[in-house]
Amino acid sequence: VDRNSRPVEQVKYGLHLIAPTITLTNSLSHTLRYHPDTPSAAIQSISVTAQFAADGALSLRYLVVGKITGIKLPAPRIAGPADNLWQQTCCEAFVASADGEPYREFNFSPSAQWAIYQFAAYRQRDNHFQPLAIPRITLHQQADGFELAATIPSELIPPGDVLDLALTTVIEASDGSKSYWALRHGAAQPDFHLRQSFTLALKRN
């Protein structure tokens, strides 16, 4: 998948080239960047690995490294759907068919709660969407951060041989401030829904 012809964009924090799409054929680690307006003293790095399993499920693993005492994690809950998870520390993925405008947003909370939203186009949510399966979330707290693993069953993944992904994370600090992390930021304010932020091309097995 070749998307090297990316336009130059102007945002308030400077002129830069939009990063080319990455083609993923195996399990690779991808580094997230914080939005220039939302640095975090508590986070050293955030990386995500992504790959398809033999059964067609999409496996994501978020590794957050930093001062665990500086990160505010939501309290454990019974696994199940919930809204507004992004208002606290939350790992996210936005997934679309490479040749289509619709996309799905997945929220994975360290609390074990999750959310799935369908959009027909940029922020045009389909309120009638009902997921046909549920994701699985596992959290491992560590001395220097945490690791969250999420599995998205094949029934929840948009159709297509090649998918465009935006991998993102919201971190709430112990003082209540938030930082926003993504493969690439495409606007002056954090906005994970922008299609030019879907910079990872993932090919099905």
Foldseek 3Di string as FASTA:
>chain_A
DWDPPFDWDDAPVGTDTQDAFDEDDDWDKAWKDWQPVADDQFWDTKIKTWDADPQRKIKIKIDTFGQAQFFDADAADDEEEDPPLLLAWWKKKWKDAPPAAKIKIWIQGPNNYIHIWIARHQVRTDPPDDQPDDKGWDKDADNGGIMIMIIGHNSRHDDYQKMQMKTKIWTQTPVGGIIIIISDADYNDRDSRDSSRSRYIYGTD
